[in-house]
Amino acid sequence: MFSEHNNIHLQLRNREWVKNPTEPPQGGKWSEVEAYMGLFEHCMSMLDDKLIDWGTFKDIYRYRLANIVSSPVIVGQKLVVNGSSYKRFIRLTKGLGLGELMIESGQQWLNSEQGTDWLNTPKGKQWLSTTDSKDWIDATRRGTPNT
């Protein structure tokens, strides 16, 4: 199943996915990354069911997750703005020890022009009062993820 996502994997690995890491992508790039992230959510379910083991998965695939959560716009748009839709992906990221990288990328996006604009929207203002927001901000202040 990973071979189906080789194009997006290579773009993320080579930092070619978007020109500006805090700006949203153009064209069908969102659907590619969403499908790729969905594959990792499926992997989280298999890890939960003990169909695959953490050690092997971490050795083989951790770097791919790191490539995804190194992108501020992916973290911002998918894991901050729509975090409730990606709980398994976030749990997998933290389980692989990538929580700090995810927090750092998310904070970079929140501090960008796009993130600041979003925080000033009704949805962004509402997010600021949620548990997800509090956990995100607390983890950023501590420099460690809230697991």
C-alpha atoms as a PDB file:
ATOM      1  CA  MET A   1       0.000   0.000   0.000  1.00  0.00           C
ATOM      2  CA  PHE A   2       2.918   2.352   0.606  1.00  0.00           C
ATOM      3  CA  SER A   3       3.980   2.145  -3.050  1.00  0.00           C
ATOM      4  CA  GLU A   4       0.687   3.818  -4.016  1.00  0.00           C
ATOM      5  CA  HIS A   5       1.867   6.884  -2.095  1.00  0.00           C
ATOM      6  CA  ASN A   6       5.424   6.953  -3.394  1.00  0.00           C
ATOM      7  CA  ASN A   7       4.930  10.273  -5.228  1.00  0.00           C
ATOM      8  CA  ILE A   8       3.865  12.198  -2.118  1.00  0.00           C
ATOM      9  CA  HIS A   9       6.442  10.362  -0.003  1.00  0.00           C
ATOM     10  CA  LEU A  10       9.268  11.473  -2.305  1.00  0.00           C
ATOM     11  CA  GLN A  11       7.977  15.056  -2.468  1.00  0.00           C
ATOM     12  CA  LEU A  12       7.870  15.261   1.332  1.00  0.00           C
ATOM     13  CA  ARG A  13      11.237  13.566   1.762  1.00  0.00           C
ATOM     14  CA  ASN A  14      12.905  15.907  -0.747  1.00  0.00           C
ATOM     15  CA  ARG A  15      11.097  18.984   0.651  1.00  0.00           C
ATOM     16  CA  GLU A  16       9.452  19.529  -2.742  1.00  0.00           C
ATOM     17  CA  TRP A  17       5.843  19.260  -1.608  1.00  0.00           C
ATOM     18  CA  VAL A  18       5.224  23.011  -1.447  1.00  0.00           C
ATOM     19  CA  LYS A  19       7.426  26.022  -2.150  1.00  0.00           C
ATOM     20  CA  ASN A  20       6.468  27.875   1.043  1.00  0.00           C
ATOM     21  CA  PRO A  21       6.102  25.479   3.995  1.00  0.00           C
ATOM     22  CA  THR A  22       3.436  27.587   5.729  1.00  0.00           C
ATOM     23  CA  GLU A  23       1.228  28.207   2.656  1.00  0.00           C
ATOM     24  CA  PRO A  24      -1.436  25.749   1.487  1.00  0.00           C
ATOM     25  CA  PRO A  25      -0.638  23.612  -1.569  1.00  0.00           C
ATOM     26  CA  GLN A  26      -2.226  24.056  -4.957  1.00  0.00           C
ATOM     27  CA  GLY A  27      -4.078  21.502  -7.062  1.00  0.00           C
ATOM     28  CA  GLY A  28      -4.720  17.978  -5.820  1.00  0.00           C
ATOM     29  CA  LYS A  29      -1.820  17.865  -3.362  1.00  0.00           C
ATOM     30  CA  TRP A  30      -4.143  17.883  -0.324  1.00  0.00           C
ATOM     31  CA  SER A  31      -5.921  14.741  -1.467  1.00  0.00           C
ATOM     32  CA  GLU A  32      -2.563  12.972  -1.907  1.00  0.00           C
ATOM     33  CA  VAL A  33      -1.367  13.852   1.581  1.00  0.00           C
ATOM     34  CA  GLU A  34      -4.751  13.046   3.148  1.00  0.00           C
ATOM     35  CA  ALA A  35      -4.715   9.572   1.586  1.00  0.00           C
ATOM     36  CA  TYR A  36      -1.119   9.064   2.765  1.00  0.00           C
ATOM     37  CA  MET A  37      -1.997  10.142   6.301  1.00  0.00           C
ATOM     38  CA  GLY A  38      -5.021   7.833   6.172  1.00  0.00           C
ATOM     39  CA  LEU A  39      -2.705   4.917   5.437  1.00  0.00           C
ATOM     40  CA  PHE A  40      -0.808   5.712   8.635  1.00  0.00           C
ATOM     41  CA  GLU A  41      -4.071   5.854  10.567  1.00  0.00           C
ATOM     42  CA  HIS A  42      -4.774   2.368   9.257  1.00  0.00           C
ATOM     43  CA  CYS A  43      -1.320   1.339  10.520  1.00  0.00           C
ATOM     44  CA  MET A  44      -2.214   2.729  13.961  1.00  0.00           C
ATOM     45  CA  SER A  45      -5.258   0.464  13.992  1.00  0.00           C
ATOM     46  CA  MET A  46      -3.073  -2.510  13.073  1.00  0.00           C
ATOM     47  CA  LEU A  47      -0.624  -1.576  15.843  1.00  0.00           C
ATOM     48  CA  ASP A  48      -3.536  -1.374  18.293  1.00  0.00           C
ATOM     49  CA  ASP A  49      -4.682  -4.837  17.214  1.00  0.00           C
ATOM     50  CA  LYS A  50      -1.092  -6.123  17.493  1.00  0.00           C
ATOM     51  CA  LEU A  51      -1.085  -7.151  13.832  1.00  0.00           C
ATOM     52  CA  ILE A  52       2.243  -5.344  13.471  1.00  0.00           C
ATOM     53  CA  ASP A  53       4.748  -4.530  16.182  1.00  0.00           C
ATOM     54  CA  TRP A  54       5.921  -1.091  17.275  1.00  0.00           C
ATOM     55  CA  GLY A  55       9.641  -1.814  17.021  1.00  0.00           C
ATOM     56  CA  THR A  56       9.562  -2.978  13.423  1.00  0.00           C
ATOM     57  CA  PHE A  57       7.137  -0.262  12.383  1.00  0.00           C
ATOM     58  CA  LYS A  58       9.271   2.423  14.026  1.00  0.00           C
ATOM     59  CA  ASP A  59      12.464   1.148  12.386  1.00  0.00           C
ATOM     60  CA  ILE A  60      10.912   1.099   8.923  1.00  0.00           C
ATOM     61  CA  TYR A  61       8.387   3.958   8.829  1.00  0.00           C
ATOM     62  CA  ARG A  62       9.212   6.552  11.509  1.00  0.00           C
ATOM     63  CA  TYR A  63      11.139   8.740   9.071  1.00  0.00           C
ATOM     64  CA  ARG A  64       8.065   8.922   6.816  1.00  0.00           C
ATOM     65  CA  LEU A  65       5.973  10.289   9.673  1.00  0.00           C
ATOM     66  CA  ALA A  66       8.780  12.726  10.479  1.00  0.00           C
ATOM     67  CA  ASN A  67       8.644  13.991   6.888  1.00  0.00           C
ATOM     68  CA  ILE A  68       4.914  14.619   7.215  1.00  0.00           C
ATOM     69  CA  VAL A  69       5.021  16.385  10.586  1.00  0.00           C
ATOM     70  CA  SER A  70       7.998  18.484   9.465  1.00  0.00           C
ATOM     71  CA  SER A  71       5.596  20.384   7.224  1.00  0.00           C
ATOM     72  CA  PRO A  72       4.056  23.303   9.131  1.00  0.00           C
ATOM     73  CA  VAL A  73       1.157  23.606   6.693  1.00  0.00           C
ATOM     74  CA  ILE A  74       0.240  19.912   7.009  1.00  0.00           C
ATOM     75  CA  VAL A  75       0.397  20.062  10.794  1.00  0.00           C
ATOM     76  CA  GLY A  76      -1.467  23.373  10.848  1.00  0.00           C
ATOM     77  CA  GLN A  77      -4.227  22.514   8.421  1.00  0.00           C
ATOM     78  CA  LYS A  78      -4.682  18.865   9.324  1.00  0.00           C
ATOM     79  CA  LEU A  79      -3.545  18.380  12.923  1.00  0.00           C
ATOM     80  CA  VAL A  80      -4.421  21.773  14.398  1.00  0.00           C
ATOM     81  CA  VAL A  81      -7.432  22.965  12.394  1.00  0.00           C
ATOM     82  CA  ASN A  82      -8.836  19.450  11.888  1.00  0.00           C
ATOM     83  CA  GLY A  83      -7.093  17.598  14.714  1.00  0.00           C
ATOM     84  CA  SER A  84     -10.235  15.856  15.909  1.00  0.00           C
ATOM     85  CA  SER A  85     -10.351  14.063  12.538  1.00  0.00           C
ATOM     86  CA  TYR A  86      -6.785  12.818  12.900  1.00  0.00           C
ATOM     87  CA  LYS A  87      -6.636  11.462  16.455  1.00  0.00           C
ATOM     88  CA  ARG A  88      -5.118   8.127  15.410  1.00  0.00           C
ATOM     89  CA  PHE A  89      -2.492   9.875  13.290  1.00  0.00           C
ATOM     90  CA  ILE A  90      -1.573  12.180  16.184  1.00  0.00           C
ATOM     91  CA  ARG A  91      -1.405   9.217  18.569  1.00  0.00           C
ATOM     92  CA  LEU A  92       0.870   7.350  16.137  1.00  0.00           C
ATOM     93  CA  THR A  93       3.115  10.391  15.775  1.00  0.00           C
ATOM     94  CA  LYS A  94       3.476  10.714  19.542  1.00  0.00           C
ATOM     95  CA  GLY A  95       3.970   6.964  19.933  1.00  0.00           C
ATOM     96  CA  LEU A  96       6.914   7.161  17.542  1.00  0.00           C
ATOM     97  CA  GLY A  97       8.503   9.962  19.573  1.00  0.00           C
ATOM     98  CA  LEU A  98       7.674  12.694  17.057  1.00  0.00           C
ATOM     99  CA  GLY A  99       5.408  14.767  19.289  1.00  0.00           C
ATOM    100  CA  GLU A 100       7.939  17.558  19.774  1.00  0.00           C
ATOM    101  CA  LEU A 101       8.517  17.870  16.035  1.00  0.00           C
ATOM    102  CA  MET A 102       4.756  18.003  15.462  1.00  0.00           C
ATOM    103  CA  ILE A 103       4.375  20.713  18.130  1.00  0.00           C
ATOM    104  CA  GLU A 104       7.244  22.724  16.649  1.00  0.00           C
ATOM    105  CA  SER A 105       5.792  22.567  13.127  1.00  0.00           C
ATOM    106  CA  GLY A 106       2.319  23.438  14.392  1.00  0.00           C
ATOM    107  CA  GLN A 107       3.621  26.434  16.294  1.00  0.00           C
ATOM    108  CA  GLN A 108       5.502  27.591  13.198  1.00  0.00           C
ATOM    109  CA  TRP A 109       2.231  27.443  11.250  1.00  0.00           C
ATOM    110  CA  LEU A 110       0.238  29.174  14.010  1.00  0.00           C
ATOM    111  CA  ASN A 111       2.824  31.991  13.975  1.00  0.00           C
ATOM    112  CA  SER A 112       2.682  32.312  10.182  1.00  0.00           C
ATOM    113  CA  GLU A 113       0.440  34.808   8.419  1.00  0.00           C
ATOM    114  CA  GLN A 114      -1.960  32.027   7.463  1.00  0.00           C
ATOM    115  CA  GLY A 115      -2.109  30.624  10.997  1.00  0.00           C
ATOM    116  CA  THR A 116      -2.584  34.046  12.561  1.00  0.00           C
ATOM    117  CA  ASP A 117      -5.364  34.798  10.068  1.00  0.00           C
ATOM    118  CA  TRP A 118      -7.040  31.483  10.972  1.00  0.00           C
ATOM    119  CA  LEU A 119      -6.784  32.208  14.718  1.00  0.00           C
ATOM    120  CA  ASN A 120      -8.737  35.420  14.065  1.00  0.00           C
ATOM    121  CA  THR A 121     -11.634  33.589  12.392  1.00  0.00           C
ATOM    122  CA  PRO A 122     -14.632  32.402  14.419  1.00  0.00           C
ATOM    123  CA  LYS A 123     -13.398  28.779  14.108  1.00  0.00           C
ATOM    124  CA  GLY A 124      -9.892  29.782  15.198  1.00  0.00           C
ATOM    125  CA  LYS A 125     -11.204  31.745  18.170  1.00  0.00           C
ATOM    126  CA  GLN A 126     -13.356  28.780  19.144  1.00  0.00           C
ATOM    127  CA  TRP A 127     -10.324  26.451  18.844  1.00  0.00           C
ATOM    128  CA  LEU A 128      -8.403  28.647  21.296  1.00  0.00           C
ATOM    129  CA  SER A 129     -10.879  27.696  24.014  1.00  0.00           C
ATOM    130  CA  THR A 130     -10.759  23.933  23.392  1.00  0.00           C
ATOM    131  CA  THR A 131      -8.855  21.232  25.237  1.00  0.00           C
ATOM    132  CA  ASP A 132      -6.873  20.524  22.054  1.00  0.00           C
ATOM    133  CA  SER A 133      -5.731  24.133  21.975  1.00  0.00           C
ATOM    134  CA  LYS A 134      -4.829  24.138  25.657  1.00  0.00           C
ATOM    135  CA  ASP A 135      -2.858  20.906  25.283  1.00  0.00           C
ATOM    136  CA  TRP A 136      -1.113  22.266  22.182  1.00  0.00           C
ATOM    137  CA  ILE A 137      -0.201  25.596  23.789  1.00  0.00           C
ATOM    138  CA  ASP A 138       0.904  23.969  27.073  1.00  0.00           C
ATOM    139  CA  ALA A 139       3.085  21.473  25.216  1.00  0.00           C
ATOM    140  CA  THR A 140       4.631  24.303  23.195  1.00  0.00           C
ATOM    141  CA  ARG A 141       5.444  26.260  26.335  1.00  0.00           C
ATOM    142  CA  ARG A 142       7.009  23.197  27.959  1.00  0.00           C
ATOM    143  CA  GLY A 143       8.798  22.234  24.769  1.00  0.00           C
ATOM    144  CA  THR A 144       7.421  18.708  25.054  1.00  0.00           C
ATOM    145  CA  PRO A 145       4.290  17.055  23.697  1.00  0.00           C
ATOM    146  CA  ASN A 146       1.308  16.400  25.914  1.00  0.00           C
ATOM    147  CA  THR A 147       0.761  12.667  25.607  1.00  0.00           C
END
